[in-house]
């Protein structure tokens, strides 16, 4: 596929995206790529990559704690430590 065809295909994909957050993420990735900034994943150690994969798997399986609950737990820990 020629460069011009690839660009047209990318433009078409971008036009299909309506979610602003996803567009912002795509824009950030494109900017980092254009500026040849290292991908954050390339900066992680093998151990960090493994822990990240495990975390993603847990999230995919719904094994997460809602933000509100984490905030409640944090307040309890802070109050306990302050005593």
Protein backbone atom coordinates (compact mmCIF):
# COMPACT_ATOMS: atom_id res chain seq x y z
CA UNK A 1 0.00 0.00 0.00
CA UNK A 2 1.34 3.42 -0.88
CA UNK A 3 1.87 6.19 1.62
CA UNK A 4 -0.98 8.28 0.24
CA UNK A 5 -3.35 5.31 0.53
CA UNK A 6 -2.28 4.69 4.12
CA UNK A 7 -2.90 8.32 5.00
CA UNK A 8 -6.37 8.19 3.43
CA UNK A 9 -7.15 5.07 5.42
CA UNK A 10 -5.96 6.71 8.64
CA UNK A 11 -8.05 9.83 7.93
CA UNK A 12 -11.09 7.59 7.40
CA UNK A 13 -10.51 5.84 10.72
CA UNK A 14 -10.12 9.18 12.50
CA UNK A 15 -13.35 10.44 10.97
CA UNK A 16 -15.16 7.40 12.41
CA UNK A 17 -14.11 8.22 15.99
CA UNK A 18 -16.63 10.36 17.87
CA UNK A 19 -15.30 9.93 21.41
CA UNK A 20 -13.24 13.02 22.32
CA UNK A 21 -11.14 11.13 24.87
CA UNK A 22 -10.16 8.53 22.30
CA UNK A 23 -9.30 11.26 19.80
CA UNK A 24 -7.12 12.99 22.41
CA UNK A 25 -5.32 9.71 23.14
CA UNK A 26 -4.77 9.11 19.44
CA UNK A 27 -3.50 12.66 19.00
CA UNK A 28 -1.05 12.26 21.90
CA UNK A 29 0.22 8.97 20.48
CA UNK A 30 0.64 10.48 17.01
CA UNK A 31 2.47 13.48 18.45
CA UNK A 32 4.83 11.28 20.47
CA UNK A 33 5.48 9.13 17.41
CA UNK A 34 6.10 12.17 15.20
CA UNK A 35 8.51 13.63 17.77
CA UNK A 36 10.15 10.21 18.18
CA UNK A 37 9.47 10.18 21.91
CA UNK A 38 9.91 6.78 23.50
CA UNK A 39 6.78 4.81 24.24
CA UNK A 40 6.29 4.61 27.98
CA UNK A 41 6.03 0.83 27.68
CA UNK A 42 9.56 0.75 26.30
CA UNK A 43 10.79 2.38 29.52
CA UNK A 44 9.33 -0.28 31.81
CA UNK A 45 11.33 -3.16 33.23
CA UNK A 46 10.23 -6.72 32.42
CA UNK A 47 8.87 -6.99 35.97
CA UNK A 48 6.84 -3.80 35.55
CA UNK A 49 5.49 -5.02 32.22
CA UNK A 50 4.41 -8.30 33.82
CA UNK A 51 2.67 -6.48 36.68
CA UNK A 52 0.93 -4.22 34.16
CA UNK A 53 -0.30 -7.23 32.17
CA UNK A 54 -1.63 -8.79 35.37
CA UNK A 55 -3.41 -5.56 36.28
CA UNK A 56 -5.01 -5.31 32.85
CA UNK A 57 -6.18 -8.91 33.13
CA UNK A 58 -7.68 -8.23 36.55
CA UNK A 59 -9.49 -5.17 35.21
CA UNK A 60 -10.77 -7.15 32.22
CA UNK A 61 -12.14 -9.74 34.66
CA UNK A 62 -13.88 -7.04 36.68
CA UNK A 63 -11.59 -7.49 39.66
CA UNK A 64 -11.41 -3.79 40.46
CA UNK A 65 -12.38 -1.52 43.33
CA UNK A 66 -14.62 1.46 42.50
CA UNK A 67 -13.02 4.89 42.90
CA UNK A 68 -15.48 5.93 45.60
CA UNK A 69 -14.56 2.90 47.69
CA UNK A 70 -10.83 3.55 47.29
CA UNK A 71 -11.33 7.16 48.39
CA UNK A 72 -13.28 5.97 51.45
CA UNK A 73 -10.51 3.49 52.30
CA UNK A 74 -7.85 6.19 51.88
CA UNK A 75 -9.70 8.54 54.24
CA UNK A 76 -9.95 5.75 56.83
CA UNK A 77 -6.20 5.04 56.54
CA UNK A 78 -5.36 8.73 56.88
CA UNK A 79 -7.63 9.14 59.90
CA UNK A 80 -6.15 6.03 61.50
CA UNK A 81 -2.58 7.22 60.90
CA UNK A 82 -3.37 10.68 62.29
CA UNK A 83 -4.46 9.24 65.66
